[in-house]
C-alpha atoms as a PDB file:
ATOM      1  CA  MET A   1       5.438   3.990  -5.154  1.00  0.00           C
ATOM      2  CA  THR A   2       2.920   1.810  -6.962  1.00  0.00           C
ATOM      3  CA  THR A   3      -0.785   1.040  -7.202  1.00  0.00           C
ATOM      4  CA  LEU A   4      -1.813  -2.618  -6.963  1.00  0.00           C
ATOM      5  CA  ILE A   5      -5.362  -3.851  -7.583  1.00  0.00           C
ATOM      6  CA  ALA A   6      -6.751  -7.393  -7.495  1.00  0.00           C
ATOM      7  CA  ILE A   7     -10.319  -8.574  -7.996  1.00  0.00           C
ATOM      8  CA  ASN A   8     -11.276 -12.110  -6.995  1.00  0.00           C
ATOM      9  CA  THR A   9     -14.359 -13.450  -8.760  1.00  0.00           C
ATOM     10  CA  ARG A  10     -15.962 -16.890  -8.728  1.00  0.00           C
ATOM     11  CA  ASP A  11     -14.084 -17.826 -11.912  1.00  0.00           C
ATOM     12  CA  ALA A  12     -10.799 -15.923 -11.881  1.00  0.00           C
ATOM     13  CA  ALA A  13      -8.415 -13.566 -10.133  1.00  0.00           C
ATOM     14  CA  VAL A  14      -7.440 -10.434 -12.062  1.00  0.00           C
ATOM     15  CA  MET A  15      -4.358  -8.427 -11.071  1.00  0.00           C
ATOM     16  CA  GLY A  16      -3.362  -4.936 -12.164  1.00  0.00           C
ATOM     17  CA  ALA A  17      -0.545  -2.459 -11.518  1.00  0.00           C
ATOM     18  CA  ASP A  18       0.944   0.688 -12.997  1.00  0.00           C
ATOM     19  CA  SER A  19       4.407   0.586 -14.583  1.00  0.00           C
ATOM     20  CA  LEU A  20       6.139   3.730 -13.300  1.00  0.00           C
ATOM     21  CA  GLY A  21       9.142   3.063 -11.105  1.00  0.00           C
ATOM     22  CA  THR A  22       9.871   5.862  -8.643  1.00  0.00           C
ATOM     23  CA  MET A  23      13.014   6.233  -6.570  1.00  0.00           C
ATOM     24  CA  VAL A  24      12.446   8.021  -3.271  1.00  0.00           C
ATOM     25  CA  LYS A  25      14.730   9.556  -0.660  1.00  0.00           C
ATOM     26  CA  SER A  26      14.048  10.888   2.792  1.00  0.00           C
ATOM     27  CA  TRP A  27      14.294  14.665   2.993  1.00  0.00           C
ATOM     28  CA  VAL A  28      13.627  17.240   5.689  1.00  0.00           C
ATOM     29  CA  ASP A  29      12.118  20.625   4.884  1.00  0.00           C
ATOM     30  CA  PRO A  30      14.365  23.267   6.558  1.00  0.00           C
ATOM     31  CA  ASP A  31      11.215  25.154   7.595  1.00  0.00           C
ATOM     32  CA  ASP A  32      10.214  22.153   9.720  1.00  0.00           C
ATOM     33  CA  LEU A  33      13.436  22.524  11.717  1.00  0.00           C
ATOM     34  CA  ALA A  34      13.231  26.310  12.187  1.00  0.00           C
ATOM     35  CA  GLN A  35      11.507  25.856  15.561  1.00  0.00           C
ATOM     36  CA  TYR A  36      14.730  24.434  16.983  1.00  0.00           C
ATOM     37  CA  PHE A  37      16.845  27.481  16.098  1.00  0.00           C
ATOM     38  CA  ASP A  38      17.099  31.004  17.465  1.00  0.00           C
ATOM     39  CA  MET A  39      17.094  33.168  14.341  1.00  0.00           C
ATOM     40  CA  SER A  40      17.974  36.281  16.356  1.00  0.00           C
ATOM     41  CA  ASN A  41      21.139  34.674  17.742  1.00  0.00           C
ATOM     42  CA  GLY A  42      23.060  33.625  14.681  1.00  0.00           C
ATOM     43  CA  CYS A  43      20.716  30.684  13.962  1.00  0.00           C
ATOM     44  CA  LYS A  44      22.073  28.754  16.925  1.00  0.00           C
ATOM     45  CA  ILE A  45      20.102  25.913  18.472  1.00  0.00           C
ATOM     46  CA  ARG A  46      17.622  27.280  20.999  1.00  0.00           C
ATOM     47  CA  LEU A  47      17.910  26.385  24.651  1.00  0.00           C
ATOM     48  CA  GLY A  48      14.972  25.135  26.667  1.00  0.00           C
ATOM     49  CA  PRO A  49      13.909  26.330  30.165  1.00  0.00           C
ATOM     50  CA  ASP A  50      16.371  23.843  31.653  1.00  0.00           C
ATOM     51  CA  GLY A  51      19.258  25.387  29.701  1.00  0.00           C
ATOM     52  CA  ARG A  52      19.669  22.365  27.451  1.00  0.00           C
ATOM     53  CA  PRO A  53      19.467  22.434  23.619  1.00  0.00           C
ATOM     54  CA  VAL A  54      15.914  21.747  22.406  1.00  0.00           C
ATOM     55  CA  LEU A  55      17.395  19.661  19.596  1.00  0.00           C
ATOM     56  CA  GLY A  56      18.897  16.776  21.488  1.00  0.00           C
ATOM     57  CA  ASP A  57      19.007  13.747  19.187  1.00  0.00           C
ATOM     58  CA  LEU A  58      18.747  12.614  15.578  1.00  0.00           C
ATOM     59  CA  ALA A  59      15.259  11.153  16.081  1.00  0.00           C
ATOM     60  CA  GLN A  60      13.826  14.683  16.321  1.00  0.00           C
ATOM     61  CA  ILE A  61      14.992  15.231  12.756  1.00  0.00           C
ATOM     62  CA  THR A  62      14.237  11.812  11.261  1.00  0.00           C
ATOM     63  CA  THR A  63      10.645  11.900  12.524  1.00  0.00           C
ATOM     64  CA  ARG A  64      10.137  14.962  10.329  1.00  0.00           C
ATOM     65  CA  CYS A  65      11.503  13.255   7.218  1.00  0.00           C
ATOM     66  CA  GLN A  66       9.287  12.929   4.178  1.00  0.00           C
ATOM     67  CA  GLU A  67       9.748  10.470   1.334  1.00  0.00           C
ATOM     68  CA  VAL A  68      10.243  12.540  -1.801  1.00  0.00           C
ATOM     69  CA  SER A  69      10.423  11.211  -5.364  1.00  0.00           C
ATOM     70  CA  CYS A  70      13.846  11.944  -6.791  1.00  0.00           C
ATOM     71  CA  SER A  71      13.942   9.908 -10.021  1.00  0.00           C
ATOM     72  CA  GLN A  72      11.694   7.768 -12.175  1.00  0.00           C
ATOM     73  CA  LEU A  73      11.865   4.793 -14.522  1.00  0.00           C
ATOM     74  CA  THR A  74       9.207   3.869 -17.070  1.00  0.00           C
ATOM     75  CA  ASN A  75       7.995   0.402 -18.132  1.00  0.00           C
ATOM     76  CA  VAL A  76       8.902  -1.299 -14.846  1.00  0.00           C
ATOM     77  CA  ASP A  77       7.568  -4.863 -14.491  1.00  0.00           C
ATOM     78  CA  LYS A  78       5.462  -5.224 -11.336  1.00  0.00           C
ATOM     79  CA  ILE A  79       3.421  -8.384 -12.015  1.00  0.00           C
ATOM     80  CA  PHE A  80       5.125 -11.783 -12.187  1.00  0.00           C
ATOM     81  CA  SER A  81       3.902 -15.239 -13.085  1.00  0.00           C
ATOM     82  CA  LEU A  82       4.390 -18.111 -10.643  1.00  0.00           C
ATOM     83  CA  SER A  83       3.549 -20.747 -13.281  1.00  0.00           C
ATOM     84  CA  PRO A  84       3.217 -23.714 -13.325  1.00  0.00           C
ATOM     85  CA  LEU A  85       1.275 -22.931 -10.126  1.00  0.00           C
ATOM     86  CA  GLU A  86      -2.001 -21.096 -10.650  1.00  0.00           C
ATOM     87  CA  MET A  87      -0.564 -18.022  -8.945  1.00  0.00           C
ATOM     88  CA  GLY A  88       0.904 -14.614  -9.619  1.00  0.00           C
ATOM     89  CA  VAL A  89       2.578 -11.977  -7.490  1.00  0.00           C
ATOM     90  CA  MET A  90       2.813  -8.194  -7.778  1.00  0.00           C
ATOM     91  CA  CYS A  91       5.049  -5.758  -5.913  1.00  0.00           C
ATOM     92  CA  ALA A  92       4.947  -2.237  -4.518  1.00  0.00           C
ATOM     93  CA  GLY A  93       7.782  -0.322  -2.924  1.00  0.00           C
ATOM     94  CA  LEU A  94      11.376  -1.372  -3.507  1.00  0.00           C
ATOM     95  CA  ALA A  95      12.269  -2.556  -6.988  1.00  0.00           C
ATOM     96  CA  PHE A  96      15.818  -3.526  -5.987  1.00  0.00           C
ATOM     97  CA  ILE A  97      17.550  -5.105  -3.012  1.00  0.00           C
ATOM     98  CA  GLY A  98      21.195  -4.183  -3.371  1.00  0.00           C
ATOM     99  CA  ASP A  99      22.354  -5.239  -6.835  1.00  0.00           C
ATOM    100  CA  ARG A 100      19.402  -7.593  -7.338  1.00  0.00           C
ATOM    101  CA  SER A 101      15.999  -6.670  -8.749  1.00  0.00           C
ATOM    102  CA  VAL A 102      12.934  -8.078  -7.043  1.00  0.00           C
ATOM    103  CA  LYS A 103      12.055  -9.551 -10.449  1.00  0.00           C
ATOM    104  CA  SER A 104      15.285 -11.584 -10.580  1.00  0.00           C
ATOM    105  CA  LEU A 105      14.884 -12.685  -6.963  1.00  0.00           C
ATOM    106  CA  ILE A 106      11.394 -14.036  -7.683  1.00  0.00           C
ATOM    107  CA  ALA A 107      12.766 -15.852 -10.726  1.00  0.00           C
ATOM    108  CA  GLU A 108      15.499 -17.407  -8.562  1.00  0.00           C
ATOM    109  CA  PHE A 109      12.933 -18.433  -5.947  1.00  0.00           C
ATOM    110  CA  LYS A 110      10.911 -20.208  -8.635  1.00  0.00           C
ATOM    111  CA  ALA A 111      14.007 -22.000  -9.912  1.00  0.00           C
ATOM    112  CA  LYS A 112      15.002 -23.242  -6.447  1.00  0.00           C
ATOM    113  CA  ASP A 113      11.661 -24.071  -4.842  1.00  0.00           C
ATOM    114  CA  ARG A 114      10.748 -27.725  -5.465  1.00  0.00           C
ATOM    115  CA  THR A 115       7.028 -26.964  -5.673  1.00  0.00           C
ATOM    116  CA  PHE A 116       7.534 -25.112  -8.955  1.00  0.00           C
ATOM    117  CA  LYS A 117       9.714 -27.810 -10.473  1.00  0.00           C
ATOM    118  CA  TYR A 118       7.449 -30.749  -9.709  1.00  0.00           C
ATOM    119  CA  LYS A 119       4.140 -29.013  -8.866  1.00  0.00           C
ATOM    120  CA  ASN A 120       3.837 -31.560  -6.107  1.00  0.00           C
ATOM    121  CA  GLY A 121       2.203 -31.610  -2.700  1.00  0.00           C
ATOM    122  CA  ASP A 122      -0.871 -29.748  -1.509  1.00  0.00           C
ATOM    123  CA  TYR A 123       0.577 -26.320  -2.246  1.00  0.00           C
ATOM    124  CA  THR A 124      -1.276 -23.320  -0.818  1.00  0.00           C
ATOM    125  CA  LEU A 125      -1.069 -19.568  -1.161  1.00  0.00           C
ATOM    126  CA  LYS A 126       0.020 -19.266   2.450  1.00  0.00           C
ATOM    127  CA  GLY A 127       2.731 -21.907   2.114  1.00  0.00           C
ATOM    128  CA  VAL A 128       4.168 -20.326  -1.042  1.00  0.00           C
ATOM    129  CA  ALA A 129       3.942 -16.849   0.544  1.00  0.00           C
ATOM    130  CA  GLU A 130       5.838 -17.962   3.646  1.00  0.00           C
ATOM    131  CA  ARG A 131       8.608 -19.590   1.613  1.00  0.00           C
ATOM    132  CA  LEU A 132       8.842 -16.571  -0.715  1.00  0.00           C
ATOM    133  CA  LEU A 133       9.067 -14.250   2.294  1.00  0.00           C
ATOM    134  CA  ALA A 134      11.806 -16.368   3.880  1.00  0.00           C
ATOM    135  CA  PHE A 135      13.770 -16.242   0.618  1.00  0.00           C
ATOM    136  CA  LEU A 136      13.363 -12.479   0.139  1.00  0.00           C
ATOM    137  CA  TRP A 137      13.959 -11.718   3.816  1.00  0.00           C
ATOM    138  CA  GLY A 138      17.357 -13.427   3.624  1.00  0.00           C
ATOM    139  CA  HIS A 139      18.457 -10.928   0.970  1.00  0.00           C
ATOM    140  CA  TYR A 140      16.593  -7.971   2.473  1.00  0.00           C
ATOM    141  CA  SER A 141      17.895  -8.362   6.040  1.00  0.00           C
ATOM    142  CA  ALA A 142      21.448  -8.883   4.820  1.00  0.00           C
ATOM    143  CA  TYR A 143      21.389  -5.662   2.807  1.00  0.00           C
ATOM    144  CA  TYR A 144      19.309  -3.470   5.129  1.00  0.00           C
ATOM    145  CA  ASN A 145      21.118  -4.254   8.365  1.00  0.00           C
ATOM    146  CA  ASP A 146      21.477  -0.654   9.584  1.00  0.00           C
ATOM    147  CA  GLY A 147      17.989  -0.282  11.036  1.00  0.00           C
ATOM    148  CA  MET A 148      16.486   1.230   7.882  1.00  0.00           C
ATOM    149  CA  HIS A 149      13.563  -0.808   6.511  1.00  0.00           C
ATOM    150  CA  PRO A 150      12.235   0.652   3.240  1.00  0.00           C
ATOM    151  CA  GLU A 151       8.859  -0.793   2.294  1.00  0.00           C
ATOM    152  CA  LEU A 152       8.463  -3.812   0.048  1.00  0.00           C
ATOM    153  CA  GLU A 153       4.887  -5.113  -0.182  1.00  0.00           C
ATOM    154  CA  LEU A 154       3.783  -8.064  -2.309  1.00  0.00           C
ATOM    155  CA  MET A 155       0.309  -9.350  -3.120  1.00  0.00           C
ATOM    156  CA  LEU A 156       0.196 -13.057  -3.973  1.00  0.00           C
ATOM    157  CA  CYS A 157      -2.988 -14.051  -5.840  1.00  0.00           C
ATOM    158  CA  GLY A 158      -4.317 -17.306  -7.225  1.00  0.00           C
ATOM    159  CA  TYR A 159      -5.378 -20.770  -6.137  1.00  0.00           C
ATOM    160  CA  ASP A 160      -4.486 -23.374  -3.554  1.00  0.00           C
ATOM    161  CA  LYS A 161      -4.137 -26.830  -5.080  1.00  0.00           C
ATOM    162  CA  GLU A 162      -7.367 -28.066  -3.500  1.00  0.00           C
ATOM    163  CA  ARG A 163      -9.450 -24.857  -3.862  1.00  0.00           C
ATOM    164  CA  TYR A 164     -11.452 -23.789  -6.886  1.00  0.00           C
ATOM    165  CA  THR A 165     -12.035 -20.153  -5.895  1.00  0.00           C
ATOM    166  CA  PRO A 166      -9.120 -17.691  -5.710  1.00  0.00           C
ATOM    167  CA  GLY A 167      -7.487 -16.114  -2.688  1.00  0.00           C
ATOM    168  CA  MET A 168      -4.958 -13.423  -1.845  1.00  0.00           C
ATOM    169  CA  VAL A 169      -2.062 -13.153   0.632  1.00  0.00           C
ATOM    170  CA  ARG A 170      -0.137 -10.013   1.569  1.00  0.00           C
ATOM    171  CA  ILE A 171       3.611 -10.240   2.108  1.00  0.00           C
ATOM    172  CA  TYR A 172       5.302  -7.367   3.968  1.00  0.00           C
ATOM    173  CA  VAL A 173       8.994  -8.026   3.479  1.00  0.00           C
ATOM    174  CA  HIS A 174      10.100  -4.920   5.424  1.00  0.00           C
ATOM    175  CA  SER A 175       8.361  -6.205   8.563  1.00  0.00           C
ATOM    176  CA  ASN A 176       8.955  -9.910   7.816  1.00  0.00           C
ATOM    177  CA  ARG A 177       5.326 -10.967   7.994  1.00  0.00           C
ATOM    178  CA  VAL A 178       2.583 -12.634   5.981  1.00  0.00           C
ATOM    179  CA  VAL A 179      -1.064 -11.575   6.319  1.00  0.00           C
ATOM    180  CA  GLY A 180      -3.792 -13.900   5.079  1.00  0.00           C
ATOM    181  CA  PRO A 181      -4.828 -15.799   3.095  1.00  0.00           C
ATOM    182  CA  ASP A 182      -8.111 -14.072   2.362  1.00  0.00           C
ATOM    183  CA  TYR A 183     -10.592 -15.950   0.190  1.00  0.00           C
ATOM    184  CA  ASP A 184     -13.341 -13.312  -0.026  1.00  0.00           C
ATOM    185  CA  LEU A 185     -14.619 -12.605  -3.535  1.00  0.00           C
ATOM    186  CA  CYS A 186     -13.939  -8.894  -3.526  1.00  0.00           C
ATOM    187  CA  LEU A 187     -11.609  -6.040  -4.414  1.00  0.00           C
ATOM    188  CA  TYR A 188      -8.130  -5.824  -2.867  1.00  0.00           C
ATOM    189  CA  MET A 189      -5.763  -2.835  -2.965  1.00  0.00           C
ATOM    190  CA  GLY A 190      -2.084  -2.306  -2.252  1.00  0.00           C
ATOM    191  CA  GLY A 191       0.488   0.451  -2.502  1.00  0.00           C
ATOM    192  CA  GLN A 192      -0.851   3.955  -3.188  1.00  0.00           C
ATOM    193  CA  THR A 193      -4.640   3.864  -3.438  1.00  0.00           C
ATOM    194  CA  ARG A 194      -5.954   7.128  -1.966  1.00  0.00           C
ATOM    195  CA  GLY A 195      -7.880   8.192  -5.086  1.00  0.00           C
ATOM    196  CA  ILE A 196      -9.364   4.711  -5.507  1.00  0.00           C
ATOM    197  CA  GLN A 197     -10.419   4.536  -1.856  1.00  0.00           C
ATOM    198  CA  ARG A 198     -12.403   7.757  -2.275  1.00  0.00           C
ATOM    199  CA  LEU A 199     -14.439   6.217  -5.092  1.00  0.00           C
ATOM    200  CA  VAL A 200     -14.834   2.717  -3.686  1.00  0.00           C
ATOM    201  CA  PHE A 201     -15.380   3.583  -0.005  1.00  0.00           C
ATOM    202  CA  GLY A 202     -16.511   7.200  -0.272  1.00  0.00           C
ATOM    203  CA  ILE A 203     -13.437   8.279   1.720  1.00  0.00           C
ATOM    204  CA  ASP A 204      -9.744   7.469   2.021  1.00  0.00           C
ATOM    205  CA  VAL A 205      -7.915   6.418   5.187  1.00  0.00           C
ATOM    206  CA  ASP A 206      -6.240   9.805   5.751  1.00  0.00           C
ATOM    207  CA  ASN A 207      -9.474  11.787   5.472  1.00  0.00           C
ATOM    208  CA  ARG A 208     -11.279   9.221   7.620  1.00  0.00           C
ATOM    209  CA  VAL A 209      -8.778   9.862  10.406  1.00  0.00           C
ATOM    210  CA  ARG A 210      -9.068  13.638   9.928  1.00  0.00           C
ATOM    211  CA  LEU A 211     -12.862  13.478  10.211  1.00  0.00           C
ATOM    212  CA  MET A 212     -12.674  11.380  13.366  1.00  0.00           C
ATOM    213  CA  GLU A 213     -10.208  13.824  14.914  1.00  0.00           C
ATOM    214  CA  ARG A 214     -12.453  16.755  13.937  1.00  0.00           C
ATOM    215  CA  VAL A 215     -15.475  15.132  15.593  1.00  0.00           C
ATOM    216  CA  ASP A 216     -13.464  14.524  18.779  1.00  0.00           C
ATOM    217  CA  GLU A 217     -12.321  18.142  18.723  1.00  0.00           C
ATOM    218  CA  LEU A 218     -15.890  19.455  18.345  1.00  0.00           C
ATOM    219  CA  LEU A 219     -17.252  17.160  21.060  1.00  0.00           C
ATOM    220  CA  ASN A 220     -14.613  18.371  23.503  1.00  0.00           C
ATOM    221  CA  ARG A 221     -15.297  21.989  22.540  1.00  0.00           C
ATOM    222  CA  TYR A 222     -19.034  21.408  23.064  1.00  0.00           C
ATOM    223  CA  HIS A 223     -18.298  19.798  26.441  1.00  0.00           C
ATOM    224  CA  LYS A 224     -16.357  22.913  27.469  1.00  0.00           C
ATOM    225  CA  LEU A 225     -19.046  25.348  26.224  1.00  0.00           C
ATOM    226  CA  ILE A 226     -21.840  23.484  27.999  1.00  0.00           C
ATOM    227  CA  GLY A 227     -19.821  23.494  31.224  1.00  0.00           C
ATOM    228  CA  GLU A 228     -19.291  27.259  30.940  1.00  0.00           C
ATOM    229  CA  GLN A 229     -23.018  27.887  30.262  1.00  0.00           C
ATOM    230  CA  LEU A 230     -24.067  25.815  33.273  1.00  0.00           C
ATOM    231  CA  GLU A 231     -21.544  27.616  35.482  1.00  0.00           C
ATOM    232  CA  LYS A 232     -22.913  31.023  34.416  1.00  0.00           C
ATOM    233  CA  GLN A 233     -26.386  29.884  35.479  1.00  0.00           C
ATOM    234  CA  GLY A 234     -25.074  28.803  38.865  1.00  0.00           C
ATOM    235  CA  ILE A 235     -25.487  25.130  38.092  1.00  0.00           C
ATOM    236  CA  LYS A 236     -22.742  22.900  39.366  1.00  0.00           C
ATOM    237  CA  ALA A 237     -22.484  19.699  37.391  1.00  0.00           C
ATOM    238  CA  GLU A 238     -19.723  17.213  36.668  1.00  0.00           C
ATOM    239  CA  LEU A 239     -20.043  16.568  32.930  1.00  0.00           C
ATOM    240  CA  LYS A 240     -18.517  13.371  31.648  1.00  0.00           C
ATOM    241  CA  LEU A 241     -15.879  13.763  28.972  1.00  0.00           C
ATOM    242  CA  PRO A 242     -16.951  12.585  25.478  1.00  0.00           C
ATOM    243  CA  GLU A 243     -14.385   9.764  25.432  1.00  0.00           C
ATOM    244  CA  THR A 244     -15.987   8.142  28.473  1.00  0.00           C
ATOM    245  CA  PHE A 245     -18.900   7.086  26.248  1.00  0.00           C
ATOM    246  CA  GLY A 246     -16.639   4.859  24.130  1.00  0.00           C
ATOM    247  CA  ASP A 247     -17.969   3.988  20.672  1.00  0.00           C
ATOM    248  CA  GLU A 248     -21.335   5.648  21.264  1.00  0.00           C
ATOM    249  CA  LEU A 249     -19.985   9.007  20.033  1.00  0.00           C
ATOM    250  CA  ARG A 250     -17.620   7.661  17.357  1.00  0.00           C
ATOM    251  CA  LEU A 251     -18.280   9.040  13.887  1.00  0.00           C
ATOM    252  CA  PHE A 252     -18.037   5.700  12.084  1.00  0.00           C
ATOM    253  CA  ASN A 253     -19.816   3.587  14.701  1.00  0.00           C
ATOM    254  CA  ASN A 254     -22.354   1.533  12.659  1.00  0.00           C
ATOM    255  CA  TRP A 255     -22.331   4.230   9.974  1.00  0.00           C
ATOM    256  CA  GLU A 256     -20.458   4.626   6.698  1.00  0.00           C
ATOM    257  CA  LEU A 257     -20.428   7.008   3.748  1.00  0.00           C
ATOM    258  CA  ILE A 258     -22.119   6.056   0.470  1.00  0.00           C
ATOM    259  CA  ARG A 259     -19.716   3.803  -1.383  1.00  0.00           C
ATOM    260  CA  MET A 260     -19.338   2.075  -4.741  1.00  0.00           C
ATOM    261  CA  GLN A 261     -21.929  -0.696  -5.016  1.00  0.00           C
ATOM    262  CA  SER A 262     -20.425  -3.709  -6.809  1.00  0.00           C
ATOM    263  CA  ASN A 263     -20.928  -7.456  -6.656  1.00  0.00           C
ATOM    264  CA  TRP A 264     -17.263  -8.270  -7.228  1.00  0.00           C
ATOM    265  CA  GLY A 265     -17.705 -12.041  -7.077  1.00  0.00           C
ATOM    266  CA  ALA A 266     -20.290 -11.977  -9.871  1.00  0.00           C
ATOM    267  CA  PHE A 267     -17.991 -10.139 -12.305  1.00  0.00           C
ATOM    268  CA  SER A 268     -17.160 -11.934 -15.538  1.00  0.00           C
ATOM    269  CA  GLU A 269     -13.489 -12.141 -16.467  1.00  0.00           C
ATOM    270  CA  GLN A 270     -13.967  -9.190 -18.847  1.00  0.00           C
ATOM    271  CA  ASN A 271     -15.792  -7.144 -16.184  1.00  0.00           C
ATOM    272  CA  ALA A 272     -12.887  -7.686 -13.785  1.00  0.00           C
ATOM    273  CA  ILE A 273     -10.263  -6.815 -16.409  1.00  0.00           C
ATOM    274  CA  GLU A 274     -12.021  -3.564 -17.319  1.00  0.00           C
ATOM    275  CA  CYS A 275     -12.598  -2.624 -13.679  1.00  0.00           C
ATOM    276  CA  VAL A 276      -8.954  -3.232 -12.708  1.00  0.00           C
ATOM    277  CA  ASP A 277      -7.830  -1.112 -15.661  1.00  0.00           C
ATOM    278  CA  PHE A 278     -10.279   1.646 -14.676  1.00  0.00           C
ATOM    279  CA  LEU A 279      -9.180   1.736 -11.024  1.00  0.00           C
ATOM    280  CA  VAL A 280      -5.429   1.785 -11.735  1.00  0.00           C
ATOM    281  CA  ASN A 281      -5.959   4.531 -14.328  1.00  0.00           C
ATOM    282  CA  LEU A 282      -8.067   6.438 -11.798  1.00  0.00           C
ATOM    283  CA  MET A 283      -5.093   6.568  -9.441  1.00  0.00           C
ATOM    284  CA  ILE A 284      -2.741   7.495 -12.279  1.00  0.00           C
ATOM    285  CA  ASN A 285      -4.926  10.385 -13.437  1.00  0.00           C
ATOM    286  CA  SER A 286      -5.699  11.620  -9.917  1.00  0.00           C
ATOM    287  CA  GLN A 287      -1.954  12.235  -9.546  1.00  0.00           C
ATOM    288  CA  LYS A 288      -1.448  13.403 -13.117  1.00  0.00           C
ATOM    289  CA  PHE A 289      -3.559  16.504 -12.575  1.00  0.00           C
ATOM    290  CA  SER A 290      -2.405  17.105  -9.006  1.00  0.00           C
ATOM    291  CA  THR A 291       0.343  19.415  -7.788  1.00  0.00           C
ATOM    292  CA  GLU A 292       2.187  16.475  -6.194  1.00  0.00           C
ATOM    293  CA  MET A 293       4.931  14.742  -8.135  1.00  0.00           C
ATOM    294  CA  GLN A 294       3.531  11.748  -9.993  1.00  0.00           C
ATOM    295  CA  SER A 295       4.628   8.431  -8.486  1.00  0.00           C
ATOM    296  CA  VAL A 296       2.017   6.212 -10.170  1.00  0.00           C
ATOM    297  CA  GLY A 297       1.859   6.147 -13.952  1.00  0.00           C
ATOM    298  CA  GLY A 298       2.801   4.570 -17.252  1.00  0.00           C
ATOM    299  CA  ASP A 299       0.968   1.737 -18.979  1.00  0.00           C
ATOM    300  CA  VAL A 300      -1.338  -0.442 -16.887  1.00  0.00           C
ATOM    301  CA  GLN A 301      -0.170  -4.048 -16.524  1.00  0.00           C
ATOM    302  CA  ILE A 302      -2.911  -6.672 -16.176  1.00  0.00           C
ATOM    303  CA  ALA A 303      -2.887 -10.447 -15.705  1.00  0.00           C
ATOM    304  CA  ILE A 304      -5.592 -13.056 -15.128  1.00  0.00           C
ATOM    305  CA  ILE A 305      -5.355 -16.324 -13.205  1.00  0.00           C
ATOM    306  CA  LYS A 306      -7.808 -19.176 -13.739  1.00  0.00           C
ATOM    307  CA  LYS A 307      -7.872 -22.580 -12.089  1.00  0.00           C
ATOM    308  CA  ASP A 308      -7.929 -24.490 -15.389  1.00  0.00           C
ATOM    309  CA  SER A 309      -5.517 -22.391 -17.446  1.00  0.00           C
ATOM    310  CA  GLY A 310      -3.250 -20.756 -14.851  1.00  0.00           C
ATOM    311  CA  PHE A 311      -1.553 -17.374 -15.206  1.00  0.00           C
ATOM    312  CA  THR A 312      -1.975 -15.281 -18.387  1.00  0.00           C
ATOM    313  CA  TYR A 313      -0.756 -11.753 -19.115  1.00  0.00           C
ATOM    314  CA  ILE A 314      -3.533  -9.616 -20.599  1.00  0.00           C
ATOM    315  CA  SER A 315      -1.547  -6.470 -21.250  1.00  0.00           C
ATOM    316  CA  LYS A 316       0.749  -6.631 -24.245  1.00  0.00           C
ATOM    317  CA  ARG A 317       4.329  -7.354 -23.237  1.00  0.00           C
ATOM    318  CA  HIS A 318       7.036  -6.668 -25.813  1.00  0.00           C
ATOM    319  CA  TRP A 319      10.458  -5.160 -26.285  1.00  0.00           C
ATOM    320  CA  ARG A 320      10.919  -2.391 -28.827  1.00  0.00           C
ATOM    321  CA  HIS A 321      13.814  -0.936 -30.737  1.00  0.00           C
ATOM    322  CA  ARG A 322      12.750   1.585 -33.356  1.00  0.00           C
ATOM    323  CA  GLU A 323      10.724  -0.407 -35.911  1.00  0.00           C
ATOM    324  CA  SER A 324      11.557  -3.759 -34.316  1.00  0.00           C
ATOM    325  CA  ILE A 325       9.048  -5.293 -31.861  1.00  0.00           C
ATOM    326  CA  VAL A 326       9.472  -8.725 -30.281  1.00  0.00           C
ATOM    327  CA  PRO A 327       7.444 -10.476 -27.557  1.00  0.00           C
ATOM    328  CA  ALA A 328       8.947 -10.085 -24.097  1.00  0.00           C
ATOM    329  CA  ARG A 329      10.056 -13.320 -22.455  1.00  0.00           C
ATOM    330  CA  ASP A 330      10.667 -13.918 -18.764  1.00  0.00           C
END
């Protein structure tokens, strides 16, 4: 559980993430399974009209599973330098694959990939992303070979060798795929971003779907009511169902809610740094004062990538022991 934010401007890419590590497990609420049991008959599994148990296979239970936070770690590193390339990568989801941290796996990838050693060839975001995915997938598929695929999402930001504006590639290790690169000068999000979506887009994905379903429900109800009114007046008419009109009756067809107006590409480096910090903190605080268990939190980690100077951490990185403070080293 993590919030990832990247802003690509004409002069730099700025990356940000929270630093709270959350361990999750899949749990089933007993109340969700009550429908399968006959409470008046010793809580035995109910039988259907055909005489067979209504609970027939494990999938009926697993589809009702929810991921619930069960433990947390603070000060978890989620942004990693890919120097000497002008790139950085940040992660959401799994922090470990077996006995290896994602951090150590990325460090091993850098040590073994010839591009990092010699900085040679026309390296690209897509090429690095594909090789990083192949490396991580080897470890991931070997450990998760029982059909379970917990999420591990990476956002790779920075510059191709021959490009002077930044790009971004998404790496979905759990589904073994790379999406992108995308070179738009804009805001990118990853991980948990519901609170940020509401500010930036005026609505989040979940509520967007709920609104669309509500509109469909009302259109179908209206279709039924009109049919009943016509029938009462002795008018026989075959009314077309709302879905037969395709996008014409879709809520978000050529229409959107008022959203945050920003010219992301025109941001200065400082604008982008402050905006990334604001958006990650927005997600942190939207959970902080919610009844749900906080899965995004801690200090905000920020890094900037420029074509001429490469990757630089903006947030202070140090190790502490009582009065002793030393700079953290990768």
